[in-house]
Structure formats: C-alpha cells, structure tokens
Amino acid sequence: MSRGQSPNDLVGLMNDTKWEELRLAMYELGSLHPQFRVKDLVGDTPTAWDGEWFYHFRLEPYSTIEWCDIRIDSEQQQSAVLECIRKIHLPGHATAEGFRIIGWAPRGAPVMYID
C-alpha cells in the first residue's frame, strides 16, 4: 500500500479460493515450480524469494496479500506458469522477472488480466 493510501482506497481483486488455486497450480508444476515473493498490505517490503509453495505460501494471510511476484528461470518454466495463470484467470501483468499477481488495486484503476 502506498504511503498516504488507506485500505478504503483499495479494491480486493483476489479471494482465498483464487490464491489457493495459484498455490496448488504452482506446487503441482513439480520441478518447474517458480519462486515467489509476497508484498503484504501492512508491510513496506516484500518477503524474501521462496520456492516452497505447499506450506510457505500459506504463511501470509491471503486477505492481506497486496501482490505476489513470480520469478521465472527458463522458457519452459515461463510457458508452464503462464498456462496455469491463464487457466485460473488472474489479475496482474508480466514483469522483467516473470509475473506479478495483484491482490489489491487502487479504487478506479484499470485491472488487467494475464493472457
């Protein structure tokens, strides 16, 4: 959350079900699972990069995840992750490192979905 921005200025784009679908999809990629980091609404900095989707991704309450970055290491991994994200239909965008899934966005801001 940006400085000076209150939770009332944000709109939730994800719910527990969507976050859980993402977690399970990434876990099920097996050796192709990517690393992630999470930015919480109440913190100023994201978590460290982590690759343990089964337990560690659930450490943050889903309801306060502002965004989740997914780091891609290969073309094969990018293809597998992108296919999962498209199936789940998640809000976000591509980044230089991979993808960012958006949990909360400023009210009135356009929302893009990764396709």
PDB file of N, CA and C in Angstrom:
ATOM      1  N   MET A   1       0.846  -1.166   0.000  1.00  0.00           N
ATOM      2  CA  MET A   1       0.000   0.000   0.000  1.00  0.00           C
ATOM      3  C   MET A   1       0.894   1.232   0.000  1.00  0.00           C
ATOM      4  N   SER A   2       0.614   2.168  -0.847  1.00  0.00           N
ATOM      5  CA  SER A   2       1.427   3.375  -0.943  1.00  0.00           C
ATOM      6  C   SER A   2       1.210   4.260   0.278  1.00  0.00           C
ATOM      7  N   ARG A   3       2.246   5.032   0.582  1.00  0.00           N
ATOM      8  CA  ARG A   3       2.114   5.971   1.691  1.00  0.00           C
ATOM      9  C   ARG A   3       0.965   6.922   1.420  1.00  0.00           C
ATOM     10  N   GLY A   4       0.194   7.216   2.469  1.00  0.00           N
ATOM     11  CA  GLY A   4      -0.929   8.124   2.340  1.00  0.00           C
ATOM     12  C   GLY A   4      -2.168   7.452   1.794  1.00  0.00           C
ATOM     13  N   GLN A   5      -2.078   6.198   1.478  1.00  0.00           N
ATOM     14  CA  GLN A   5      -3.207   5.465   0.920  1.00  0.00           C
ATOM     15  C   GLN A   5      -3.827   4.627   2.031  1.00  0.00           C
ATOM     16  N   SER A   6      -5.127   4.720   2.179  1.00  0.00           N
ATOM     17  CA  SER A   6      -5.797   3.934   3.207  1.00  0.00           C
ATOM     18  C   SER A   6      -6.381   2.673   2.571  1.00  0.00           C
ATOM     19  N   PRO A   7      -6.684   1.667   3.398  1.00  0.00           N
ATOM     20  CA  PRO A   7      -7.302   0.450   2.846  1.00  0.00           C
ATOM     21  C   PRO A   7      -8.605   0.728   2.112  1.00  0.00           C
ATOM     22  N   ASN A   8      -9.270   1.822   2.466  1.00  0.00           N
ATOM     23  CA  ASN A   8     -10.527   2.174   1.789  1.00  0.00           C
ATOM     24  C   ASN A   8     -10.302   2.640   0.358  1.00  0.00           C
ATOM     25  N   ASP A   9      -9.038   2.990   0.014  1.00  0.00           N
ATOM     26  CA  ASP A   9      -8.700   3.428  -1.336  1.00  0.00           C
ATOM     27  C   ASP A   9      -8.408   2.248  -2.256  1.00  0.00           C
ATOM     28  N   LEU A  10      -8.426   1.031  -1.696  1.00  0.00           N
ATOM     29  CA  LEU A  10      -8.073  -0.163  -2.451  1.00  0.00           C
ATOM     30  C   LEU A  10      -9.277  -1.079  -2.641  1.00  0.00           C
ATOM     31  N   VAL A  11      -9.212  -1.842  -3.714  1.00  0.00           N
ATOM     32  CA  VAL A  11     -10.253  -2.820  -4.029  1.00  0.00           C
ATOM     33  C   VAL A  11      -9.600  -4.193  -4.108  1.00  0.00           C
ATOM     34  N   GLY A  12     -10.179  -5.155  -3.404  1.00  0.00           N
ATOM     35  CA  GLY A  12      -9.671  -6.517  -3.449  1.00  0.00           C
ATOM     36  C   GLY A  12     -10.009  -7.193  -4.767  1.00  0.00           C
ATOM     37  N   LEU A  13      -9.007  -7.769  -5.409  1.00  0.00           N
ATOM     38  CA  LEU A  13      -9.201  -8.438  -6.693  1.00  0.00           C
ATOM     39  C   LEU A  13      -9.153  -9.959  -6.567  1.00  0.00           C
ATOM     40  N   MET A  14      -8.594 -10.440  -5.475  1.00  0.00           N
ATOM     41  CA  MET A  14      -8.419 -11.872  -5.270  1.00  0.00           C
ATOM     42  C   MET A  14      -9.169 -12.285  -4.005  1.00  0.00           C
ATOM     43  N   ASN A  15      -9.501 -13.568  -3.933  1.00  0.00           N
ATOM     44  CA  ASN A  15     -10.082 -14.117  -2.722  1.00  0.00           C
ATOM     45  C   ASN A  15      -9.276 -15.356  -2.333  1.00  0.00           C
ATOM     46  N   ASP A  16      -9.620 -15.952  -1.203  1.00  0.00           N
ATOM     47  CA  ASP A  16      -8.874 -17.117  -0.726  1.00  0.00           C
ATOM     48  C   ASP A  16      -8.855 -18.245  -1.754  1.00  0.00           C
ATOM     49  N   THR A  17      -9.971 -18.430  -2.443  1.00  0.00           N
ATOM     50  CA  THR A  17     -10.048 -19.508  -3.437  1.00  0.00           C
ATOM     51  C   THR A  17      -9.057 -19.294  -4.572  1.00  0.00           C
ATOM     52  N   LYS A  18      -8.974 -18.077  -5.088  1.00  0.00           N
ATOM     53  CA  LYS A  18      -8.046 -17.790  -6.185  1.00  0.00           C
ATOM     54  C   LYS A  18      -6.592 -17.933  -5.744  1.00  0.00           C
ATOM     55  N   TRP A  19      -6.253 -17.444  -4.546  1.00  0.00           N
ATOM     56  CA  TRP A  19      -4.887 -17.605  -4.049  1.00  0.00           C
ATOM     57  C   TRP A  19      -4.556 -19.082  -3.870  1.00  0.00           C
ATOM     58  N   GLU A  20      -5.524 -19.838  -3.371  1.00  0.00           N
ATOM     59  CA  GLU A  20      -5.291 -21.269  -3.168  1.00  0.00           C
ATOM     60  C   GLU A  20      -5.133 -21.982  -4.510  1.00  0.00           C
ATOM     61  N   GLU A  21      -5.899 -21.585  -5.522  1.00  0.00           N
ATOM     62  CA  GLU A  21      -5.735 -22.159  -6.858  1.00  0.00           C
ATOM     63  C   GLU A  21      -4.344 -21.876  -7.402  1.00  0.00           C
ATOM     64  N   LEU A  22      -3.853 -20.656  -7.192  1.00  0.00           N
ATOM     65  CA  LEU A  22      -2.499 -20.317  -7.629  1.00  0.00           C
ATOM     66  C   LEU A  22      -1.475 -21.174  -6.892  1.00  0.00           C
ATOM     67  N   ARG A  23      -1.606 -21.266  -5.580  1.00  0.00           N
ATOM     68  CA  ARG A  23      -0.662 -22.041  -4.772  1.00  0.00           C
ATOM     69  C   ARG A  23      -0.602 -23.489  -5.233  1.00  0.00           C
ATOM     70  N   LEU A  24      -1.755 -24.105  -5.396  1.00  0.00           N
ATOM     71  CA  LEU A  24      -1.792 -25.509  -5.812  1.00  0.00           C
ATOM     72  C   LEU A  24      -1.239 -25.701  -7.225  1.00  0.00           C
ATOM     73  N   ALA A  25      -1.569 -24.789  -8.122  1.00  0.00           N
ATOM     74  CA  ALA A  25      -1.077 -24.897  -9.501  1.00  0.00           C
ATOM     75  C   ALA A  25       0.445 -24.805  -9.545  1.00  0.00           C
ATOM     76  N   MET A  26       1.023 -23.890  -8.782  1.00  0.00           N
ATOM     77  CA  MET A  26       2.478 -23.738  -8.768  1.00  0.00           C
ATOM     78  C   MET A  26       3.134 -24.951  -8.111  1.00  0.00           C
ATOM     79  N   TYR A  27       2.557 -25.448  -7.055  1.00  0.00           N
ATOM     80  CA  TYR A  27       3.084 -26.636  -6.384  1.00  0.00           C
ATOM     81  C   TYR A  27       3.063 -27.843  -7.318  1.00  0.00           C
ATOM     82  N   GLU A  28       1.981 -27.982  -8.079  1.00  0.00           N
ATOM     83  CA  GLU A  28       1.821 -29.125  -8.972  1.00  0.00           C
ATOM     84  C   GLU A  28       2.749 -29.087 -10.183  1.00  0.00           C
ATOM     85  N   LEU A  29       3.432 -27.970 -10.403  1.00  0.00           N
ATOM     86  CA  LEU A  29       4.398 -27.902 -11.501  1.00  0.00           C
ATOM     87  C   LEU A  29       5.651 -28.712 -11.210  1.00  0.00           C
ATOM     88  N   GLY A  30       5.760 -29.208  -9.988  1.00  0.00           N
ATOM     89  CA  GLY A  30       6.904 -30.052  -9.631  1.00  0.00           C
ATOM     90  C   GLY A  30       8.220 -29.330  -9.822  1.00  0.00           C
ATOM     91  N   SER A  31       9.117 -29.905 -10.612  1.00  0.00           N
ATOM     92  CA  SER A  31      10.447 -29.324 -10.798  1.00  0.00           C
ATOM     93  C   SER A  31      10.408 -27.983 -11.535  1.00  0.00           C
ATOM     94  N   LEU A  32       9.294 -27.650 -12.157  1.00  0.00           N
ATOM     95  CA  LEU A  32       9.165 -26.366 -12.851  1.00  0.00           C
ATOM     96  C   LEU A  32       8.561 -25.268 -11.969  1.00  0.00           C
ATOM     97  N   HIS A  33       8.286 -25.579 -10.697  1.00  0.00           N
ATOM     98  CA  HIS A  33       7.670 -24.554  -9.859  1.00  0.00           C
ATOM     99  C   HIS A  33       8.619 -23.356  -9.711  1.00  0.00           C
ATOM    100  N   PRO A  34       8.064 -22.148  -9.788  1.00  0.00           N
ATOM    101  CA  PRO A  34       8.889 -20.945  -9.690  1.00  0.00           C
ATOM    102  C   PRO A  34       9.043 -20.491  -8.243  1.00  0.00           C
ATOM    103  N   GLN A  35       9.880 -19.497  -8.053  1.00  0.00           N
ATOM    104  CA  GLN A  35       9.980 -18.839  -6.761  1.00  0.00           C
ATOM    105  C   GLN A  35       8.970 -17.705  -6.706  1.00  0.00           C
ATOM    106  N   PHE A  36       8.637 -17.304  -5.490  1.00  0.00           N
ATOM    107  CA  PHE A  36       7.682 -16.219  -5.291  1.00  0.00           C
ATOM    108  C   PHE A  36       8.158 -15.314  -4.167  1.00  0.00           C
ATOM    109  N   ARG A  37       7.615 -14.121  -4.156  1.00  0.00           N
ATOM    110  CA  ARG A  37       7.727 -13.229  -3.005  1.00  0.00           C
ATOM    111  C   ARG A  37       6.403 -12.495  -2.886  1.00  0.00           C
ATOM    112  N   VAL A  38       6.055 -12.127  -1.678  1.00  0.00           N
ATOM    113  CA  VAL A  38       4.750 -11.545  -1.394  1.00  0.00           C
ATOM    114  C   VAL A  38       4.922 -10.184  -0.738  1.00  0.00           C
ATOM    115  N   LYS A  39       4.121  -9.234  -1.162  1.00  0.00           N
ATOM    116  CA  LYS A  39       4.056  -7.915  -0.525  1.00  0.00           C
ATOM    117  C   LYS A  39       2.718  -7.846   0.186  1.00  0.00           C
ATOM    118  N   ASP A  40       2.768  -7.663   1.504  1.00  0.00           N
ATOM    119  CA  ASP A  40       1.578  -7.581   2.329  1.00  0.00           C
ATOM    120  C   ASP A  40       1.110  -6.130   2.432  1.00  0.00           C
ATOM    121  N   LEU A  41      -0.171  -5.927   2.633  1.00  0.00           N
ATOM    122  CA  LEU A  41      -0.708  -4.572   2.752  1.00  0.00           C
ATOM    123  C   LEU A  41      -0.098  -3.783   3.906  1.00  0.00           C
ATOM    124  N   VAL A  42       0.247  -4.466   4.971  1.00  0.00           N
ATOM    125  CA  VAL A  42       0.706  -3.753   6.167  1.00  0.00           C
ATOM    126  C   VAL A  42       2.217  -3.560   6.226  1.00  0.00           C
ATOM    127  N   GLY A  43       2.970  -4.191   5.359  1.00  0.00           N
ATOM    128  CA  GLY A  43       4.426  -4.059   5.369  1.00  0.00           C
ATOM    129  C   GLY A  43       4.927  -3.156   4.267  1.00  0.00           C
ATOM    130  N   ASP A  44       6.134  -2.653   4.458  1.00  0.00           N
ATOM    131  CA  ASP A  44       6.736  -1.788   3.440  1.00  0.00           C
ATOM    132  C   ASP A  44       7.574  -2.556   2.430  1.00  0.00           C
ATOM    133  N   THR A  45       8.013  -3.756   2.786  1.00  0.00           N
ATOM    134  CA  THR A  45       8.880  -4.517   1.902  1.00  0.00           C
ATOM    135  C   THR A  45       8.314  -5.918   1.673  1.00  0.00           C
ATOM    136  N   PRO A  46       8.591  -6.475   0.510  1.00  0.00           N
ATOM    137  CA  PRO A  46       8.130  -7.845   0.239  1.00  0.00           C
ATOM    138  C   PRO A  46       8.960  -8.869   1.008  1.00  0.00           C
ATOM    139  N   THR A  47       8.446 -10.070   1.077  1.00  0.00           N
ATOM    140  CA  THR A  47       9.180 -11.174   1.686  1.00  0.00           C
ATOM    141  C   THR A  47      10.385 -11.506   0.814  1.00  0.00           C
ATOM    142  N   ALA A  48      11.273 -12.320   1.341  1.00  0.00           N
ATOM    143  CA  ALA A  48      12.397 -12.830   0.549  1.00  0.00           C
ATOM    144  C   ALA A  48      11.850 -13.826  -0.474  1.00  0.00           C
ATOM    145  N   TRP A  49      12.602 -14.045  -1.547  1.00  0.00           N
ATOM    146  CA  TRP A  49      12.204 -15.039  -2.542  1.00  0.00           C
ATOM    147  C   TRP A  49      12.150 -16.412  -1.886  1.00  0.00           C
ATOM    148  N   ASP A  50      11.137 -17.187  -2.242  1.00  0.00           N
ATOM    149  CA  ASP A  50      10.914 -18.508  -1.646  1.00  0.00           C
ATOM    150  C   ASP A  50      10.364 -19.412  -2.734  1.00  0.00           C
ATOM    151  N   GLY A  51      10.674 -20.677  -2.680  1.00  0.00           N
ATOM    152  CA  GLY A  51      10.177 -21.620  -3.681  1.00  0.00           C
ATOM    153  C   GLY A  51       9.288 -22.698  -3.103  1.00  0.00           C
ATOM    154  N   GLU A  52       8.933 -22.582  -1.830  1.00  0.00           N
ATOM    155  CA  GLU A  52       8.168 -23.615  -1.152  1.00  0.00           C
ATOM    156  C   GLU A  52       6.683 -23.224  -1.138  1.00  0.00           C
ATOM    157  N   TRP A  53       5.961 -23.675  -2.152  1.00  0.00           N
ATOM    158  CA  TRP A  53       4.566 -23.301  -2.333  1.00  0.00           C
ATOM    159  C   TRP A  53       3.613 -24.058  -1.412  1.00  0.00           C
ATOM    160  N   PHE A  54       3.961 -25.260  -0.990  1.00  0.00           N
ATOM    161  CA  PHE A  54       2.993 -26.067  -0.249  1.00  0.00           C
ATOM    162  C   PHE A  54       2.691 -25.482   1.122  1.00  0.00           C
ATOM    163  N   TYR A  55       3.715 -25.122   1.890  1.00  0.00           N
ATOM    164  CA  TYR A  55       3.499 -24.565   3.226  1.00  0.00           C
ATOM    165  C   TYR A  55       3.785 -23.074   3.310  1.00  0.00           C
ATOM    166  N   HIS A  56       4.915 -22.630   2.778  1.00  0.00           N
ATOM    167  CA  HIS A  56       5.344 -21.252   2.990  1.00  0.00           C
ATOM    168  C   HIS A  56       4.410 -20.218   2.376  1.00  0.00           C
ATOM    169  N   PHE A  57       3.830 -20.520   1.222  1.00  0.00           N
ATOM    170  CA  PHE A  57       2.943 -19.527   0.605  1.00  0.00           C
ATOM    171  C   PHE A  57       1.740 -19.245   1.500  1.00  0.00           C
ATOM    172  N   ARG A  58       1.340 -20.210   2.293  1.00  0.00           N
ATOM    173  CA  ARG A  58       0.188 -20.038   3.181  1.00  0.00           C
ATOM    174  C   ARG A  58       0.537 -19.297   4.461  1.00  0.00           C
ATOM    175  N   LEU A  59       1.793 -18.935   4.670  1.00  0.00           N
ATOM    176  CA  LEU A  59       2.168 -18.245   5.899  1.00  0.00           C
ATOM    177  C   LEU A  59       1.560 -16.848   5.985  1.00  0.00           C
ATOM    178  N   GLU A  60       1.404 -16.203   4.857  1.00  0.00           N
ATOM    179  CA  GLU A  60       0.755 -14.889   4.827  1.00  0.00           C
ATOM    180  C   GLU A  60      -0.750 -15.095   4.768  1.00  0.00           C
ATOM    181  N   PRO A  61      -1.522 -14.296   5.511  1.00  0.00           N
ATOM    182  CA  PRO A  61      -2.980 -14.392   5.312  1.00  0.00           C
ATOM    183  C   PRO A  61      -3.311 -13.936   3.886  1.00  0.00           C
ATOM    184  N   TYR A  62      -4.048 -14.746   3.176  1.00  0.00           N
ATOM    185  CA  TYR A  62      -4.383 -14.393   1.790  1.00  0.00           C
ATOM    186  C   TYR A  62      -5.072 -13.033   1.705  1.00  0.00           C
ATOM    187  N   SER A  63      -5.885 -12.703   2.682  1.00  0.00           N
ATOM    188  CA  SER A  63      -6.682 -11.476   2.623  1.00  0.00           C
ATOM    189  C   SER A  63      -5.849 -10.205   2.647  1.00  0.00           C
ATOM    190  N   THR A  64      -4.571 -10.291   3.034  1.00  0.00           N
ATOM    191  CA  THR A  64      -3.744  -9.083   3.102  1.00  0.00           C
ATOM    192  C   THR A  64      -2.614  -9.076   2.074  1.00  0.00           C
ATOM    193  N   ILE A  65      -2.631  -9.996   1.116  1.00  0.00           N
ATOM    194  CA  ILE A  65      -1.599 -10.002   0.078  1.00  0.00           C
ATOM    195  C   ILE A  65      -1.901  -8.896  -0.932  1.00  0.00           C
ATOM    196  N   GLU A  66      -1.023  -7.896  -0.985  1.00  0.00           N
ATOM    197  CA  GLU A  66      -1.183  -6.801  -1.950  1.00  0.00           C
ATOM    198  C   GLU A  66      -0.806  -7.284  -3.350  1.00  0.00           C
ATOM    199  N   TRP A  67       0.331  -7.993  -3.432  1.00  0.00           N
ATOM    200  CA  TRP A  67       0.734  -8.601  -4.700  1.00  0.00           C
ATOM    201  C   TRP A  67       1.683  -9.753  -4.434  1.00  0.00           C
ATOM    202  N   CYS A  68       1.831 -10.592  -5.456  1.00  0.00           N
ATOM    203  CA  CYS A  68       2.740 -11.725  -5.402  1.00  0.00           C
ATOM    204  C   CYS A  68       3.547 -11.729  -6.692  1.00  0.00           C
ATOM    205  N   ASP A  69       4.862 -11.647  -6.559  1.00  0.00           N
ATOM    206  CA  ASP A  69       5.742 -11.756  -7.719  1.00  0.00           C
ATOM    207  C   ASP A  69       6.127 -13.213  -7.916  1.00  0.00           C
ATOM    208  N   ILE A  70       6.166 -13.624  -9.160  1.00  0.00           N
ATOM    209  CA  ILE A  70       6.587 -14.971  -9.526  1.00  0.00           C
ATOM    210  C   ILE A  70       7.815 -14.823 -10.413  1.00  0.00           C
ATOM    211  N   ARG A  71       8.919 -15.445  -9.998  1.00  0.00           N
ATOM    212  CA  ARG A  71      10.186 -15.327 -10.734  1.00  0.00           C
ATOM    213  C   ARG A  71      10.375 -16.545 -11.641  1.00  0.00           C
ATOM    214  N   ILE A  72      10.626 -16.264 -12.912  1.00  0.00           N
ATOM    215  CA  ILE A  72      10.791 -17.285 -13.939  1.00  0.00           C
ATOM    216  C   ILE A  72      12.270 -17.464 -14.251  1.00  0.00           C
ATOM    217  N   ASP A  73      12.705 -18.733 -14.371  1.00  0.00           N
ATOM    218  CA  ASP A  73      14.116 -19.027 -14.622  1.00  0.00           C
ATOM    219  C   ASP A  73      14.396 -19.620 -16.000  1.00  0.00           C
ATOM    220  N   SER A  74      13.349 -20.019 -16.739  1.00  0.00           N
ATOM    221  CA  SER A  74      13.575 -20.624 -18.050  1.00  0.00           C
ATOM    222  C   SER A  74      12.340 -20.440 -18.928  1.00  0.00           C
ATOM    223  N   GLU A  75      12.517 -20.630 -20.219  1.00  0.00           N
ATOM    224  CA  GLU A  75      11.380 -20.529 -21.143  1.00  0.00           C
ATOM    225  C   GLU A  75      10.353 -21.629 -20.869  1.00  0.00           C
ATOM    226  N   GLN A  76      10.838 -22.825 -20.538  1.00  0.00           N
ATOM    227  CA  GLN A  76       9.935 -23.931 -20.232  1.00  0.00           C
ATOM    228  C   GLN A  76       9.104 -23.605 -18.983  1.00  0.00           C
ATOM    229  N   GLN A  77       9.739 -23.047 -17.983  1.00  0.00           N
ATOM    230  CA  GLN A  77       9.024 -22.668 -16.763  1.00  0.00           C
ATOM    231  C   GLN A  77       8.026 -21.545 -17.059  1.00  0.00           C
ATOM    232  N   GLN A  78       8.431 -20.570 -17.856  1.00  0.00           N
ATOM    233  CA  GLN A  78       7.528 -19.465 -18.196  1.00  0.00           C
ATOM    234  C   GLN A  78       6.277 -19.989 -18.895  1.00  0.00           C
ATOM    235  N   SER A  79       6.450 -20.888 -19.819  1.00  0.00           N
ATOM    236  CA  SER A  79       5.318 -21.457 -20.537  1.00  0.00           C
ATOM    237  C   SER A  79       4.373 -22.199 -19.583  1.00  0.00           C
ATOM    238  N   ALA A  80       4.941 -22.991 -18.677  1.00  0.00           N
ATOM    239  CA  ALA A  80       4.124 -23.762 -17.729  1.00  0.00           C
ATOM    240  C   ALA A  80       3.378 -22.848 -16.769  1.00  0.00           C
ATOM    241  N   VAL A  81       4.069 -21.833 -16.241  1.00  0.00           N
ATOM    242  CA  VAL A  81       3.449 -20.900 -15.296  1.00  0.00           C
ATOM    243  C   VAL A  81       2.373 -20.079 -15.995  1.00  0.00           C
ATOM    244  N   LEU A  82       2.660 -19.585 -17.186  1.00  0.00           N
ATOM    245  CA  LEU A  82       1.687 -18.793 -17.930  1.00  0.00           C
ATOM    246  C   LEU A  82       0.426 -19.599 -18.216  1.00  0.00           C
ATOM    247  N   GLU A  83       0.573 -20.854 -18.581  1.00  0.00           N
ATOM    248  CA  GLU A  83      -0.596 -21.707 -18.822  1.00  0.00           C
ATOM    249  C   GLU A  83      -1.457 -21.811 -17.559  1.00  0.00           C
ATOM    250  N   CYS A  84      -0.835 -21.988 -16.422  1.00  0.00           N
ATOM    251  CA  CYS A  84      -1.577 -22.068 -15.149  1.00  0.00           C
ATOM    252  C   CYS A  84      -2.300 -20.764 -14.845  1.00  0.00           C
ATOM    253  N   ILE A  85      -1.591 -19.647 -14.991  1.00  0.00           N
ATOM    254  CA  ILE A  85      -2.169 -18.338 -14.681  1.00  0.00           C
ATOM    255  C   ILE A  85      -3.362 -18.051 -15.591  1.00  0.00           C
ATOM    256  N   ARG A  86      -3.246 -18.399 -16.856  1.00  0.00           N
ATOM    257  CA  ARG A  86      -4.355 -18.190 -17.799  1.00  0.00           C
ATOM    258  C   ARG A  86      -5.573 -19.021 -17.403  1.00  0.00           C
ATOM    259  N   LYS A  87      -5.351 -20.271 -17.021  1.00  0.00           N
ATOM    260  CA  LYS A  87      -6.464 -21.145 -16.634  1.00  0.00           C
ATOM    261  C   LYS A  87      -7.208 -20.602 -15.421  1.00  0.00           C
ATOM    262  N   ILE A  88      -6.458 -20.076 -14.476  1.00  0.00           N
ATOM    263  CA  ILE A  88      -7.071 -19.558 -13.249  1.00  0.00           C
ATOM    264  C   ILE A  88      -7.682 -18.181 -13.481  1.00  0.00           C
ATOM    265  N   HIS A  89      -7.201 -17.469 -14.497  1.00  0.00           N
ATOM    266  CA  HIS A  89      -7.669 -16.127 -14.858  1.00  0.00           C
ATOM    267  C   HIS A  89      -7.374 -15.144 -13.722  1.00  0.00           C
ATOM    268  N   LEU A  90      -6.090 -14.766 -13.625  1.00  0.00           N
ATOM    269  CA  LEU A  90      -5.625 -13.942 -12.519  1.00  0.00           C
ATOM    270  C   LEU A  90      -5.295 -12.516 -12.953  1.00  0.00           C
ATOM    271  N   PRO A  91      -5.612 -11.542 -12.087  1.00  0.00           N
ATOM    272  CA  PRO A  91      -5.261 -10.155 -12.382  1.00  0.00           C
ATOM    273  C   PRO A  91      -3.768  -9.936 -12.182  1.00  0.00           C
ATOM    274  N   GLY A  92      -3.154  -9.208 -13.090  1.00  0.00           N
ATOM    275  CA  GLY A  92      -1.736  -8.922 -12.955  1.00  0.00           C
ATOM    276  C   GLY A  92      -1.111  -8.582 -14.280  1.00  0.00           C
ATOM    277  N   HIS A  93       0.209  -8.728 -14.349  1.00  0.00           N
ATOM    278  CA  HIS A  93       0.944  -8.385 -15.563  1.00  0.00           C
ATOM    279  C   HIS A  93       2.308  -9.078 -15.557  1.00  0.00           C
ATOM    280  N   ALA A  94       2.901  -9.098 -16.731  1.00  0.00           N
ATOM    281  CA  ALA A  94       4.256  -9.631 -16.861  1.00  0.00           C
ATOM    282  C   ALA A  94       5.234  -8.606 -16.306  1.00  0.00           C
ATOM    283  N   THR A  95       6.347  -9.099 -15.750  1.00  0.00           N
ATOM    284  CA  THR A  95       7.414  -8.240 -15.242  1.00  0.00           C
ATOM    285  C   THR A  95       8.726  -8.705 -15.871  1.00  0.00           C
ATOM    286  N   ALA A  96       9.789  -7.983 -15.608  1.00  0.00           N
ATOM    287  CA  ALA A  96      11.106  -8.382 -16.117  1.00  0.00           C
ATOM    288  C   ALA A  96      11.537  -9.733 -15.551  1.00  0.00           C
ATOM    289  N   GLU A  97      11.063 -10.058 -14.349  1.00  0.00           N
ATOM    290  CA  GLU A  97      11.448 -11.320 -13.702  1.00  0.00           C
ATOM    291  C   GLU A  97      10.450 -12.447 -13.940  1.00  0.00           C
ATOM    292  N   GLY A  98       9.242 -12.107 -14.346  1.00  0.00           N
ATOM    293  CA  GLY A  98       8.209 -13.131 -14.544  1.00  0.00           C
ATOM    294  C   GLY A  98       6.819 -12.530 -14.585  1.00  0.00           C
ATOM    295  N   PHE A  99       6.108 -12.652 -13.450  1.00  0.00           N
ATOM    296  CA  PHE A  99       4.731 -12.160 -13.381  1.00  0.00           C
ATOM    297  C   PHE A  99       4.457 -11.553 -12.019  1.00  0.00           C
ATOM    298  N   ARG A 100       3.533 -10.601 -11.982  1.00  0.00           N
ATOM    299  CA  ARG A 100       3.023 -10.062 -10.723  1.00  0.00           C
ATOM    300  C   ARG A 100       1.515 -10.289 -10.700  1.00  0.00           C
ATOM    301  N   ILE A 101       1.057 -10.987  -9.666  1.00  0.00           N
ATOM    302  CA  ILE A 101      -0.361 -11.204  -9.440  1.00  0.00           C
ATOM    303  C   ILE A 101      -0.815 -10.140  -8.451  1.00  0.00           C
ATOM    304  N   ILE A 102      -1.889  -9.444  -8.782  1.00  0.00           N
ATOM    305  CA  ILE A 102      -2.355  -8.320  -7.979  1.00  0.00           C
ATOM    306  C   ILE A 102      -3.509  -8.762  -7.074  1.00  0.00           C
ATOM    307  N   GLY A 103      -3.327  -8.573  -5.775  1.00  0.00           N
ATOM    308  CA  GLY A 103      -4.373  -8.900  -4.810  1.00  0.00           C
ATOM    309  C   GLY A 103      -5.256  -7.713  -4.482  1.00  0.00           C
ATOM    310  N   TRP A 104      -4.669  -6.528  -4.434  1.00  0.00           N
ATOM    311  CA  TRP A 104      -5.380  -5.287  -4.131  1.00  0.00           C
ATOM    312  C   TRP A 104      -4.910  -4.206  -5.105  1.00  0.00           C
ATOM    313  N   ALA A 105      -5.851  -3.400  -5.600  1.00  0.00           N
ATOM    314  CA  ALA A 105      -5.516  -2.332  -6.546  1.00  0.00           C
ATOM    315  C   ALA A 105      -6.202  -1.037  -6.116  1.00  0.00           C
ATOM    316  N   PRO A 106      -5.645   0.101  -6.506  1.00  0.00           N
ATOM    317  CA  PRO A 106      -6.291   1.370  -6.187  1.00  0.00           C
ATOM    318  C   PRO A 106      -7.699   1.434  -6.791  1.00  0.00           C
ATOM    319  N   ARG A 107      -8.621   1.936  -6.003  1.00  0.00           N
ATOM    320  CA  ARG A 107     -10.008   2.076  -6.471  1.00  0.00           C
ATOM    321  C   ARG A 107     -10.028   2.913  -7.746  1.00  0.00           C
ATOM    322  N   GLY A 108     -10.727   2.441  -8.767  1.00  0.00           N
ATOM    323  CA  GLY A 108     -10.867   3.144 -10.035  1.00  0.00           C
ATOM    324  C   GLY A 108      -9.762   2.875 -11.037  1.00  0.00           C
ATOM    325  N   ALA A 109      -8.707   2.167 -10.635  1.00  0.00           N
ATOM    326  CA  ALA A 109      -7.617   1.853 -11.555  1.00  0.00           C
ATOM    327  C   ALA A 109      -8.040   0.727 -12.491  1.00  0.00           C
ATOM    328  N   PRO A 110      -7.592   0.776 -13.743  1.00  0.00           N
ATOM    329  CA  PRO A 110      -7.922  -0.323 -14.657  1.00  0.00           C
ATOM    330  C   PRO A 110      -7.244  -1.614 -14.180  1.00  0.00           C
ATOM    331  N   VAL A 111      -7.931  -2.719 -14.391  1.00  0.00           N
ATOM    332  CA  VAL A 111      -7.407  -4.024 -13.980  1.00  0.00           C
ATOM    333  C   VAL A 111      -7.133  -4.838 -15.224  1.00  0.00           C
ATOM    334  N   MET A 112      -5.902  -5.325 -15.320  1.00  0.00           N
ATOM    335  CA  MET A 112      -5.512  -6.176 -16.440  1.00  0.00           C
ATOM    336  C   MET A 112      -5.445  -7.621 -15.942  1.00  0.00           C
ATOM    337  N   TYR A 113      -5.727  -8.539 -16.825  1.00  0.00           N
ATOM    338  CA  TYR A 113      -5.589  -9.967 -16.526  1.00  0.00           C
ATOM    339  C   TYR A 113      -4.521 -10.539 -17.428  1.00  0.00           C
ATOM    340  N   ILE A 114      -3.739 -11.446 -16.893  1.00  0.00           N
ATOM    341  CA  ILE A 114      -2.643 -12.027 -17.652  1.00  0.00           C
ATOM    342  C   ILE A 114      -3.213 -12.982 -18.679  1.00  0.00           C
ATOM    343  N   ASP A 115      -2.904 -12.723 -19.947  1.00  0.00           N
ATOM    344  CA  ASP A 115      -3.399 -13.623 -21.006  1.00  0.00           C
ATOM    345  C   ASP A 115      -2.348 -14.040 -21.975  1.00  0.00           C
TER     346      ASP A 115
END
